[in-house]
C-alpha atoms as a PDB file:
ATOM      1  CA  MET A   1      76.953  92.550  85.155  1.00  0.00           C
ATOM      2  CA  ASN A   2      79.700  94.340  87.057  1.00  0.00           C
ATOM      3  CA  GLY A   3      82.686  92.316  88.209  1.00  0.00           C
ATOM      4  CA  THR A   4      83.935  92.113  91.767  1.00  0.00           C
ATOM      5  CA  VAL A   5      87.425  93.387  92.573  1.00  0.00           C
ATOM      6  CA  ILE A   6      89.469  91.683  95.289  1.00  0.00           C
ATOM      7  CA  VAL A   7      92.220  93.878  96.713  1.00  0.00           C
ATOM      8  CA  ALA A   8      94.744  92.000  98.866  1.00  0.00           C
ATOM      9  CA  GLY A   9      97.228  93.998 100.868  1.00  0.00           C
ATOM     10  CA  SER A  10      98.278  96.024 103.855  1.00  0.00           C
ATOM     11  CA  THR A  11      96.324  98.077 106.361  1.00  0.00           C
ATOM     12  CA  ASN A  12      98.183 100.680 108.408  1.00  0.00           C
ATOM     13  CA  PHE A  13      97.338 103.038 111.221  1.00  0.00           C
ATOM     14  CA  ASP A  14      98.755 106.304 109.851  1.00  0.00           C
ATOM     15  CA  ARG A  15     100.076 109.053 112.096  1.00  0.00           C
ATOM     16  CA  THR A  16     100.715 112.231 110.140  1.00  0.00           C
ATOM     17  CA  LEU A  17     102.802 115.165 111.332  1.00  0.00           C
ATOM     18  CA  ARG A  18     102.388 118.368 109.344  1.00  0.00           C
ATOM     19  CA  VAL A  19     105.584 120.419 109.240  1.00  0.00           C
ATOM     20  CA  PRO A  20     106.634 123.686 107.549  1.00  0.00           C
ATOM     21  CA  ALA A  21     109.477 121.826 105.807  1.00  0.00           C
ATOM     22  CA  LEU A  22     110.702 118.238 105.839  1.00  0.00           C
ATOM     23  CA  PRO A  23     113.628 117.818 108.259  1.00  0.00           C
ATOM     24  CA  ALA A  24     117.134 117.354 106.908  1.00  0.00           C
ATOM     25  CA  GLU A  25     119.430 114.654 108.298  1.00  0.00           C
ATOM     26  CA  GLY A  26     120.010 115.315 111.996  1.00  0.00           C
ATOM     27  CA  GLU A  27     117.532 118.204 112.075  1.00  0.00           C
ATOM     28  CA  THR A  28     114.647 118.563 114.542  1.00  0.00           C
ATOM     29  CA  VAL A  29     111.541 120.411 113.386  1.00  0.00           C
ATOM     30  CA  LEU A  30     108.350 121.346 115.210  1.00  0.00           C
ATOM     31  CA  ALA A  31     105.071 120.042 113.785  1.00  0.00           C
ATOM     32  CA  ASP A  32     102.105 122.370 113.500  1.00  0.00           C
ATOM     33  CA  GLY A  33      99.502 119.640 113.027  1.00  0.00           C
ATOM     34  CA  TYR A  34      98.797 115.980 113.764  1.00  0.00           C
ATOM     35  CA  ALA A  35      96.256 113.493 112.415  1.00  0.00           C
ATOM     36  CA  GLU A  36      95.472 109.775 112.658  1.00  0.00           C
ATOM     37  CA  SER A  37      93.901 107.954 109.737  1.00  0.00           C
ATOM     38  CA  LEU A  38      93.474 104.766 107.738  1.00  0.00           C
ATOM     39  CA  GLY A  39      96.467 103.929 105.562  1.00  0.00           C
ATOM     40  CA  GLY A  40      98.383 101.129 103.883  1.00  0.00           C
ATOM     41  CA  LYS A  41      98.521 100.661 100.129  1.00  0.00           C
ATOM     42  CA  GLY A  42      96.032  97.801 100.227  1.00  0.00           C
ATOM     43  CA  ALA A  43      93.479  99.715 102.299  1.00  0.00           C
ATOM     44  CA  ASN A  44      93.907 102.866 100.216  1.00  0.00           C
ATOM     45  CA  GLN A  45      93.462 101.064  96.913  1.00  0.00           C
ATOM     46  CA  ALA A  46      90.489  99.047  98.162  1.00  0.00           C
ATOM     47  CA  SER A  47      88.720 102.130  99.509  1.00  0.00           C
ATOM     48  CA  ALA A  48      89.363 104.035  96.269  1.00  0.00           C
ATOM     49  CA  CYS A  49      88.051 101.127  94.211  1.00  0.00           C
ATOM     50  CA  SER A  50      84.917 100.824  96.338  1.00  0.00           C
ATOM     51  CA  LEU A  51      84.083 104.502  95.772  1.00  0.00           C
ATOM     52  CA  THR A  52      83.942 103.963  91.997  1.00  0.00           C
ATOM     53  CA  GLY A  53      80.853 101.807  92.472  1.00  0.00           C
ATOM     54  CA  ALA A  54      82.657  98.539  91.687  1.00  0.00           C
ATOM     55  CA  PRO A  55      81.857  95.701  94.129  1.00  0.00           C
ATOM     56  CA  THR A  56      85.014  95.438  96.240  1.00  0.00           C
ATOM     57  CA  VAL A  57      86.379  92.856  98.691  1.00  0.00           C
ATOM     58  CA  PHE A  58      89.487  93.678 100.725  1.00  0.00           C
ATOM     59  CA  ALA A  59      91.704  90.851 102.055  1.00  0.00           C
ATOM     60  CA  THR A  60      94.100  92.010 104.763  1.00  0.00           C
ATOM     61  CA  CYS A  61      95.671  91.414 108.194  1.00  0.00           C
ATOM     62  CA  LEU A  62      94.931  93.227 111.450  1.00  0.00           C
ATOM     63  CA  GLY A  63      96.548  92.779 114.842  1.00  0.00           C
ATOM     64  CA  ASN A  64      94.895  92.206 118.208  1.00  0.00           C
ATOM     65  CA  ASP A  65      95.986  95.591 119.545  1.00  0.00           C
ATOM     66  CA  GLN A  66      94.224  98.910 120.119  1.00  0.00           C
ATOM     67  CA  PRO A  67      95.007 100.349 116.654  1.00  0.00           C
ATOM     68  CA  ALA A  68      93.158  97.375 115.115  1.00  0.00           C
ATOM     69  CA  VAL A  69      89.937  98.461 116.830  1.00  0.00           C
ATOM     70  CA  GLN A  70      90.056 101.862 115.138  1.00  0.00           C
ATOM     71  CA  LEU A  71      91.204 100.361 111.827  1.00  0.00           C
ATOM     72  CA  ARG A  72      88.107  98.144 111.722  1.00  0.00           C
ATOM     73  CA  CYS A  73      85.921 101.214 112.229  1.00  0.00           C
ATOM     74  CA  TRP A  74      87.642 103.142 109.448  1.00  0.00           C
ATOM     75  CA  LEU A  75      87.418 100.200 107.031  1.00  0.00           C
ATOM     76  CA  ALA A  76      83.699  99.840 107.738  1.00  0.00           C
ATOM     77  CA  ASP A  77      83.161 103.427 106.543  1.00  0.00           C
ATOM     78  CA  PHE A  78      83.713 102.347 102.932  1.00  0.00           C
ATOM     79  CA  PRO A  79      81.217 100.398 100.765  1.00  0.00           C
ATOM     80  CA  MET A  80      83.294  97.216 100.637  1.00  0.00           C
ATOM     81  CA  ARG A  81      83.603  93.920 102.446  1.00  0.00           C
ATOM     82  CA  THR A  82      86.794  93.303 104.434  1.00  0.00           C
ATOM     83  CA  GLU A  83      88.097  89.767 105.030  1.00  0.00           C
ATOM     84  CA  VAL A  84      90.732  89.600 107.781  1.00  0.00           C
ATOM     85  CA  GLN A  85      93.281  86.774 107.857  1.00  0.00           C
ATOM     86  CA  PRO A  86      93.064  84.991 111.238  1.00  0.00           C
ATOM     87  CA  LEU A  87      96.002  85.381 113.600  1.00  0.00           C
ATOM     88  CA  PRO A  88      97.791  82.249 114.861  1.00  0.00           C
ATOM     89  CA  PRO A  89      96.218  80.775 118.027  1.00  0.00           C
ATOM     90  CA  ALA A  90      97.315  82.789 121.075  1.00  0.00           C
ATOM     91  CA  GLY A  91      99.570  84.781 118.787  1.00  0.00           C
ATOM     92  CA  GLU A  92     100.368  88.406 119.454  1.00  0.00           C
ATOM     93  CA  GLY A  93      99.706  90.670 116.534  1.00  0.00           C
ATOM     94  CA  VAL A  94     100.901  94.237 116.039  1.00  0.00           C
ATOM     95  CA  SER A  95      98.898  96.091 113.420  1.00  0.00           C
ATOM     96  CA  GLY A  96     100.720  97.833 110.600  1.00  0.00           C
ATOM     97  CA  GLN A  97     101.569 101.439 111.361  1.00  0.00           C
ATOM     98  CA  ALA A  98     103.058 104.363 109.463  1.00  0.00           C
ATOM     99  CA  TRP A  99     104.582 107.682 110.464  1.00  0.00           C
ATOM    100  CA  VAL A 100     104.161 110.395 107.844  1.00  0.00           C
ATOM    101  CA  HIS A 101     105.895 113.778 107.680  1.00  0.00           C
ATOM    102  CA  ALA A 102     104.077 116.100 105.256  1.00  0.00           C
ATOM    103  CA  ASP A 103     105.131 119.657 104.435  1.00  0.00           C
ATOM    104  CA  VAL A 104     103.246 122.708 103.173  1.00  0.00           C
ATOM    105  CA  ARG A 105     104.111 121.881  99.542  1.00  0.00           C
ATOM    106  CA  GLY A 106     102.309 118.560  99.779  1.00  0.00           C
ATOM    107  CA  THR A 107     105.488 116.453  99.711  1.00  0.00           C
ATOM    108  CA  ASN A 108     106.121 113.803 102.327  1.00  0.00           C
ATOM    109  CA  PHE A 109     108.290 110.972 103.587  1.00  0.00           C
ATOM    110  CA  ILE A 110     106.939 107.882 105.280  1.00  0.00           C
ATOM    111  CA  THR A 111     108.292 105.218 107.648  1.00  0.00           C
ATOM    112  CA  VAL A 112     106.296 101.981 107.885  1.00  0.00           C
ATOM    113  CA  LEU A 113     106.181  99.218 110.497  1.00  0.00           C
ATOM    114  CA  ALA A 114     104.672  96.261 108.647  1.00  0.00           C
ATOM    115  CA  GLY A 115     103.518  94.343 111.717  1.00  0.00           C
ATOM    116  CA  VAL A 116     101.086  91.543 110.832  1.00  0.00           C
ATOM    117  CA  ASN A 117     100.877  92.801 107.245  1.00  0.00           C
ATOM    118  CA  SER A 118     104.036  90.782 106.605  1.00  0.00           C
ATOM    119  CA  THR A 119     102.124  87.566 107.365  1.00  0.00           C
ATOM    120  CA  LEU A 120      99.428  88.011 104.706  1.00  0.00           C
ATOM    121  CA  SER A 121      99.637  84.773 102.732  1.00  0.00           C
ATOM    122  CA  GLY A 122      98.893  83.661  99.219  1.00  0.00           C
ATOM    123  CA  THR A 123      96.929  80.781 100.728  1.00  0.00           C
ATOM    124  CA  PHE A 124      94.538  83.226 102.403  1.00  0.00           C
ATOM    125  CA  VAL A 125      94.174  85.237  99.183  1.00  0.00           C
ATOM    126  CA  ASP A 126      93.425  81.989  97.338  1.00  0.00           C
ATOM    127  CA  SER A 127      90.696  81.190  99.888  1.00  0.00           C
ATOM    128  CA  VAL A 128      89.098  84.607  99.325  1.00  0.00           C
ATOM    129  CA  LEU A 129      89.260  84.041  95.561  1.00  0.00           C
ATOM    130  CA  ASN A 130      87.557  80.673  96.024  1.00  0.00           C
ATOM    131  CA  ALA A 131      84.802  82.221  98.151  1.00  0.00           C
ATOM    132  CA  GLN A 132      84.127  84.906  95.528  1.00  0.00           C
ATOM    133  CA  MET A 133      84.340  82.735  92.423  1.00  0.00           C
ATOM    134  CA  GLY A 134      81.773  83.403  89.746  1.00  0.00           C
ATOM    135  CA  ASN A 135      81.813  87.154  90.266  1.00  0.00           C
ATOM    136  CA  THR A 136      85.462  88.189  90.575  1.00  0.00           C
ATOM    137  CA  THR A 137      87.111  89.776  87.545  1.00  0.00           C
ATOM    138  CA  HIS A 138      90.210  91.437  89.045  1.00  0.00           C
ATOM    139  CA  LEU A 139      92.752  90.868  91.817  1.00  0.00           C
ATOM    140  CA  VAL A 140      94.852  93.840  92.955  1.00  0.00           C
ATOM    141  CA  LEU A 141      98.219  93.394  94.716  1.00  0.00           C
ATOM    142  CA  GLN A 142     101.021  95.691  95.918  1.00  0.00           C
ATOM    143  CA  GLY A 143     104.739  95.493  96.638  1.00  0.00           C
ATOM    144  CA  GLU A 144     104.194  95.891 100.388  1.00  0.00           C
ATOM    145  CA  ASN A 145     103.661  92.120 100.469  1.00  0.00           C
ATOM    146  CA  SER A 146     106.299  89.399 100.173  1.00  0.00           C
ATOM    147  CA  ALA A 147     107.466  88.063  96.815  1.00  0.00           C
ATOM    148  CA  CYS A 148     106.261  84.597  97.853  1.00  0.00           C
ATOM    149  CA  MET A 149     102.755  85.895  98.615  1.00  0.00           C
ATOM    150  CA  LEU A 150     102.613  87.840  95.344  1.00  0.00           C
ATOM    151  CA  GLU A 151     103.746  84.952  93.160  1.00  0.00           C
ATOM    152  CA  HIS A 152     101.342  82.530  94.883  1.00  0.00           C
ATOM    153  CA  SER A 153      98.429  84.965  94.515  1.00  0.00           C
ATOM    154  CA  ILE A 154      99.187  85.761  90.866  1.00  0.00           C
ATOM    155  CA  GLU A 155      99.241  82.037  90.059  1.00  0.00           C
ATOM    156  CA  ALA A 156      96.003  81.455  91.994  1.00  0.00           C
ATOM    157  CA  ALA A 157      94.262  84.274  90.134  1.00  0.00           C
ATOM    158  CA  ARG A 158      95.396  82.871  86.785  1.00  0.00           C
ATOM    159  CA  ASN A 159      94.020  79.447  87.729  1.00  0.00           C
ATOM    160  CA  HIS A 160      90.679  81.098  88.557  1.00  0.00           C
ATOM    161  CA  GLY A 161      90.608  83.086  85.310  1.00  0.00           C
ATOM    162  CA  VAL A 162      90.930  86.372  87.214  1.00  0.00           C
ATOM    163  CA  ALA A 163      92.979  89.283  85.822  1.00  0.00           C
ATOM    164  CA  THR A 164      95.724  90.512  88.166  1.00  0.00           C
ATOM    165  CA  VAL A 165      96.768  94.145  88.522  1.00  0.00           C
ATOM    166  CA  LEU A 166     100.063  94.566  90.381  1.00  0.00           C
ATOM    167  CA  ASN A 167     101.229  97.888  91.786  1.00  0.00           C
ATOM    168  CA  LEU A 168     104.832  96.949  92.526  1.00  0.00           C
ATOM    169  CA  ALA A 169     105.388  99.661  95.122  1.00  0.00           C
ATOM    170  CA  PRO A 170     107.738  99.467  96.827  1.00  0.00           C
ATOM    171  CA  PRO A 171     109.646  97.476  94.187  1.00  0.00           C
ATOM    172  CA  LEU A 172     110.902  93.967  94.869  1.00  0.00           C
ATOM    173  CA  SER A 173     112.294  91.139  92.776  1.00  0.00           C
ATOM    174  CA  LEU A 174     109.876  88.693  91.154  1.00  0.00           C
ATOM    175  CA  ASN A 175     110.522  85.982  88.587  1.00  0.00           C
ATOM    176  CA  VAL A 176     109.704  86.975  85.021  1.00  0.00           C
ATOM    177  CA  GLU A 177     106.979  84.313  84.785  1.00  0.00           C
ATOM    178  CA  ALA A 178     104.989  86.159  87.460  1.00  0.00           C
ATOM    179  CA  PHE A 179     105.084  89.333  85.360  1.00  0.00           C
ATOM    180  CA  ARG A 180     103.932  87.442  82.273  1.00  0.00           C
ATOM    181  CA  GLN A 181     100.799  86.328  84.102  1.00  0.00           C
ATOM    182  CA  LEU A 182      99.760  89.918  84.870  1.00  0.00           C
ATOM    183  CA  ASP A 183      97.037  91.859  83.134  1.00  0.00           C
ATOM    184  CA  THR A 184      98.480  95.213  84.244  1.00  0.00           C
ATOM    185  CA  LEU A 185     101.659  96.310  86.022  1.00  0.00           C
ATOM    186  CA  ILE A 186     101.485  99.805  87.557  1.00  0.00           C
ATOM    187  CA  VAL A 187     104.700 101.512  88.711  1.00  0.00           C
ATOM    188  CA  ASN A 188     106.179 104.985  88.962  1.00  0.00           C
ATOM    189  CA  GLN A 189     109.382 105.960  87.163  1.00  0.00           C
ATOM    190  CA  HIS A 190     111.679 104.998  90.055  1.00  0.00           C
ATOM    191  CA  GLU A 191     110.030 101.586  90.403  1.00  0.00           C
ATOM    192  CA  ALA A 192     110.250 101.021  86.643  1.00  0.00           C
ATOM    193  CA  THR A 193     113.984 101.765  86.800  1.00  0.00           C
ATOM    194  CA  HIS A 194     114.422  99.295  89.688  1.00  0.00           C
ATOM    195  CA  ILE A 195     112.668  96.509  87.746  1.00  0.00           C
ATOM    196  CA  ALA A 196     114.662  97.253  84.590  1.00  0.00           C
ATOM    197  CA  ARG A 197     117.932  96.949  86.520  1.00  0.00           C
ATOM    198  CA  ASP A 198     116.753  93.651  88.003  1.00  0.00           C
ATOM    199  CA  PHE A 199     116.581  92.238  84.478  1.00  0.00           C
ATOM    200  CA  GLY A 200     119.710  93.965  83.170  1.00  0.00           C
ATOM    201  CA  LEU A 201     117.735  96.276  80.886  1.00  0.00           C
ATOM    202  CA  SER A 202     118.287  99.881  79.907  1.00  0.00           C
ATOM    203  CA  THR A 203     116.701 102.210  82.442  1.00  0.00           C
ATOM    204  CA  GLN A 204     115.860 104.789  79.776  1.00  0.00           C
ATOM    205  CA  GLY A 205     113.031 103.166  77.830  1.00  0.00           C
ATOM    206  CA  HIS A 206     109.759 101.996  79.373  1.00  0.00           C
ATOM    207  CA  GLN A 207     108.749 100.443  76.054  1.00  0.00           C
ATOM    208  CA  THR A 208     111.713  98.054  76.314  1.00  0.00           C
ATOM    209  CA  LEU A 209     110.682  97.086  79.849  1.00  0.00           C
ATOM    210  CA  PHE A 210     107.109  96.495  78.701  1.00  0.00           C
ATOM    211  CA  GLU A 211     108.215  94.215  75.882  1.00  0.00           C
ATOM    212  CA  HIS A 212     110.648  92.259  78.073  1.00  0.00           C
ATOM    213  CA  LEU A 213     108.210  91.587  80.915  1.00  0.00           C
ATOM    214  CA  GLY A 214     105.444  90.349  78.639  1.00  0.00           C
ATOM    215  CA  VAL A 215     102.618  91.972  80.624  1.00  0.00           C
ATOM    216  CA  THR A 216      99.414  92.816  78.777  1.00  0.00           C
ATOM    217  CA  ARG A 217      99.598  96.431  79.943  1.00  0.00           C
ATOM    218  CA  LEU A 218     102.169  98.598  81.701  1.00  0.00           C
ATOM    219  CA  ILE A 219     101.194 101.892  83.327  1.00  0.00           C
ATOM    220  CA  VAL A 220     104.011 104.213  84.382  1.00  0.00           C
ATOM    221  CA  THR A 221     102.789 107.004  86.637  1.00  0.00           C
ATOM    222  CA  LEU A 222     104.444 110.412  86.394  1.00  0.00           C
ATOM    223  CA  GLY A 223     103.133 112.222  89.463  1.00  0.00           C
ATOM    224  CA  SER A 224     101.778 115.650  88.567  1.00  0.00           C
ATOM    225  CA  GLN A 225     102.496 114.903  84.893  1.00  0.00           C
ATOM    226  CA  GLY A 226      99.929 112.092  84.687  1.00  0.00           C
ATOM    227  CA  ALA A 227     100.680 108.592  83.385  1.00  0.00           C
ATOM    228  CA  VAL A 228     101.615 106.594  80.292  1.00  0.00           C
ATOM    229  CA  LEU A 229      99.841 103.394  79.229  1.00  0.00           C
ATOM    230  CA  TYR A 230     101.764 100.789  77.215  1.00  0.00           C
ATOM    231  CA  SER A 231      99.565  98.125  75.657  1.00  0.00           C
ATOM    232  CA  CYS A 232      99.739  95.188  73.271  1.00  0.00           C
ATOM    233  CA  GLU A 233      96.686  96.571  71.443  1.00  0.00           C
ATOM    234  CA  GLU A 234      97.589 100.252  70.940  1.00  0.00           C
ATOM    235  CA  ASP A 235     100.495 102.670  70.763  1.00  0.00           C
ATOM    236  CA  ALA A 236     101.652 104.211  74.039  1.00  0.00           C
ATOM    237  CA  LEU A 237      99.055 106.617  75.426  1.00  0.00           C
ATOM    238  CA  ARG A 238     100.013 109.665  77.510  1.00  0.00           C
ATOM    239  CA  VAL A 239      97.334 110.863  79.944  1.00  0.00           C
ATOM    240  CA  ARG A 240      98.075 114.295  81.366  1.00  0.00           C
ATOM    241  CA  ALA A 241      96.973 115.259  84.859  1.00  0.00           C
ATOM    242  CA  PRO A 242      95.026 118.461  85.455  1.00  0.00           C
ATOM    243  CA  SER A 243      96.958 121.286  87.082  1.00  0.00           C
ATOM    244  CA  VAL A 244      95.968 121.576  90.749  1.00  0.00           C
ATOM    245  CA  ALA A 245      97.214 123.318  93.887  1.00  0.00           C
ATOM    246  CA  VAL A 246      98.522 120.296  95.788  1.00  0.00           C
ATOM    247  CA  VAL A 247      97.810 120.162  99.513  1.00  0.00           C
ATOM    248  CA  ASP A 248      98.957 116.583 100.210  1.00  0.00           C
ATOM    249  CA  SER A 249     100.060 113.943  97.705  1.00  0.00           C
ATOM    250  CA  ALA A 250      99.835 111.002 100.150  1.00  0.00           C
ATOM    251  CA  GLY A 251      97.630 108.258  98.734  1.00  0.00           C
ATOM    252  CA  ALA A 252      97.341 109.789  95.259  1.00  0.00           C
ATOM    253  CA  GLY A 253      99.093 106.869  93.576  1.00  0.00           C
ATOM    254  CA  ASP A 254      96.827 104.437  95.404  1.00  0.00           C
ATOM    255  CA  ALA A 255      93.800 106.442  94.274  1.00  0.00           C
ATOM    256  CA  LEU A 256      94.932 106.029  90.675  1.00  0.00           C
ATOM    257  CA  VAL A 257      95.302 102.260  91.047  1.00  0.00           C
ATOM    258  CA  GLY A 258      91.960 101.755  92.799  1.00  0.00           C
ATOM    259  CA  VAL A 259      89.950 103.963  90.446  1.00  0.00           C
ATOM    260  CA  TYR A 260      91.607 102.432  87.374  1.00  0.00           C
ATOM    261  CA  VAL A 261      90.724  98.873  88.391  1.00  0.00           C
ATOM    262  CA  GLY A 262      87.242  99.935  89.486  1.00  0.00           C
ATOM    263  CA  GLY A 263      86.705 101.362  86.018  1.00  0.00           C
ATOM    264  CA  LEU A 264      87.810  98.109  84.384  1.00  0.00           C
ATOM    265  CA  ALA A 265      85.463  96.089  86.608  1.00  0.00           C
ATOM    266  CA  LEU A 266      82.606  98.394  85.603  1.00  0.00           C
ATOM    267  CA  GLY A 267      83.250  97.731  81.930  1.00  0.00           C
ATOM    268  CA  LYS A 268      85.388 100.708  80.930  1.00  0.00           C
ATOM    269  CA  GLN A 269      88.173 100.350  78.397  1.00  0.00           C
ATOM    270  CA  PRO A 270      91.702 100.745  79.825  1.00  0.00           C
ATOM    271  CA  GLU A 271      92.249 104.140  78.204  1.00  0.00           C
ATOM    272  CA  GLU A 272      88.993 105.545  79.590  1.00  0.00           C
ATOM    273  CA  ALA A 273      89.599 103.979  83.005  1.00  0.00           C
ATOM    274  CA  LEU A 274      93.081 105.520  83.176  1.00  0.00           C
ATOM    275  CA  ARG A 275      91.868 108.993  82.208  1.00  0.00           C
ATOM    276  CA  HIS A 276      89.335 108.928  85.020  1.00  0.00           C
ATOM    277  CA  ALA A 277      91.910 107.482  87.450  1.00  0.00           C
ATOM    278  CA  VAL A 278      94.446 110.238  86.731  1.00  0.00           C
ATOM    279  CA  ALA A 279      91.781 112.902  87.284  1.00  0.00           C
ATOM    280  CA  ALA A 280      90.640 111.258  90.538  1.00  0.00           C
ATOM    281  CA  ALA A 281      94.216 110.980  91.815  1.00  0.00           C
ATOM    282  CA  SER A 282      94.799 114.670  91.112  1.00  0.00           C
ATOM    283  CA  ASP A 283      91.577 115.569  92.921  1.00  0.00           C
ATOM    284  CA  SER A 284      92.697 113.615  95.994  1.00  0.00           C
ATOM    285  CA  THR A 285      95.753 115.866  96.385  1.00  0.00           C
ATOM    286  CA  LEU A 286      93.486 118.860  97.086  1.00  0.00           C
ATOM    287  CA  ARG A 287      92.768 117.538 100.592  1.00  0.00           C
ATOM    288  CA  PRO A 288      95.038 116.281 103.386  1.00  0.00           C
ATOM    289  CA  GLY A 289      95.501 112.588 104.118  1.00  0.00           C
ATOM    290  CA  ALA A 290      95.292 109.419 102.056  1.00  0.00           C
ATOM    291  CA  SER A 291      91.967 107.550 102.007  1.00  0.00           C
ATOM    292  CA  GLU A 292      90.174 110.352 103.863  1.00  0.00           C
ATOM    293  CA  SER A 293      90.931 112.618 100.884  1.00  0.00           C
ATOM    294  CA  TYR A 294      88.979 110.326  98.537  1.00  0.00           C
ATOM    295  CA  GLN A 295      85.518 111.536  97.517  1.00  0.00           C
ATOM    296  CA  ALA A 296      82.792 109.379  96.006  1.00  0.00           C
ATOM    297  CA  ASN A 297      81.483 112.141  93.748  1.00  0.00           C
ATOM    298  CA  THR A 298      84.817 112.381  91.911  1.00  0.00           C
ATOM    299  CA  PHE A 299      85.791 108.699  92.092  1.00  0.00           C
ATOM    300  CA  ARG A 300      82.479 107.169  90.986  1.00  0.00           C
ATOM    301  CA  VAL A 301      82.533 105.757  87.456  1.00  0.00           C
ATOM    302  CA  GLY A 302      79.383 106.818  85.593  1.00  0.00           C
ATOM    303  CA  GLU A 303      76.081 105.375  86.685  1.00  0.00           C
ATOM    304  CA  SER A 304      76.738 101.879  88.009  1.00  0.00           C
ATOM    305  CA  LEU A 305      73.886  99.409  87.578  1.00  0.00           C
ATOM    306  CA  GLY A 306      75.328  97.079  90.185  1.00  0.00           C
ATOM    307  CA  ALA A 307      75.496  97.537  93.931  1.00  0.00           C
ATOM    308  CA  PRO A 308      78.760  97.683  95.867  1.00  0.00           C
ATOM    309  CA  ALA A 309      79.671  94.675  97.944  1.00  0.00           C
ATOM    310  CA  ASN A 310      78.017  94.741 101.345  1.00  0.00           C
ATOM    311  CA  GLY A 311      80.131  96.649 103.824  1.00  0.00           C
ATOM    312  CA  GLY A 312      81.542  95.037 106.911  1.00  0.00           C
ATOM    313  CA  VAL A 313      84.652  93.572 108.457  1.00  0.00           C
ATOM    314  CA  SER A 314      84.924  89.849 109.174  1.00  0.00           C
END
C-alpha cells in the first residue's frame, strides 16, 4: 500500500517579470513579459509530490484577500487535498506573495512577503497528522516556516512514527536534536555551508556535516550538476543531472524535493527516488514558472497501484 505524504508549508501568489538581464543595484530595467502563478516552497513541493502518484495532503495558510481566491483555484488543479489553517476570528489575513525577476538565461532573484504563511503552526500540522494517521509515511517541511513550527512538527511526526524530510531553505538555526530526528535533510551548497557555520564546523566537507547532524540521510543539491546523497547505509552517491537548455530554474529545487519524497512514499529506494527526482527537476527548467512547469508524465513514478488523495481545498 502506498503511503500518504503530508507537506506543510507556504503558499505564495507569484508575480514574475521576465527581463533581458537581472538589474544591478540602482538600475531600472524594462520587463518584456509578466505572469501570475502558484508559488511558495510548500505549494511547489506538494504539487510536485502529487504528480508522482503518491497520495498527498498539503497543510498551509491562506489569507482572506483576493489573491487567496485565485490560490485556492490553482491548488485545486493538482491531485492533492489541501488543508488550510483557520485565520483568527475577525482577523485580517494577507496571503503570501512573491515578486520574481527572471532573465533569459533562466536565472532569477525573488523577494517574498510571507503574510499569513508566518502563522502556520506546529499545532495545526500535528492536527493534520492526527487526522491522517494510519496512512501517513512522510512529513515534508521547509525553511520558510519558523524554527518553533519546524521543531514542533518534527517532534510530532516522530511521535506518530512518521519520517520527516526537511528542506532547510532558506536556512535557519535549529537545535541539533531536531536534526537527529530527521529521516532526510535536503539543502543546496550555500545552505549546507550556513548550517555548518552554525555548529562551528568546516564548511568544506559535507560528509563532516552529515556525521555531526546525525540525520539518516543528507542530500546536497548542486543545481545543474545534480545532487549528492549521504547515507548511513551506503557510501556517498553522486547523481548527475542531464544537460538541458534552461529556460527558467524557478521551482526546480522544489520539484526535486517533492518527486524524491513521492518516490519514497511509493516504495522506491532513496537512490532510485533521487535519480528520478534529479531528472524531473531538470525537466522542469525547460518551461517557465515554478509549479506550472511541472508535468505529470515526467514526474510520475512508475505505475502506481494507489490513487492520489482526493483533490480539494478545505
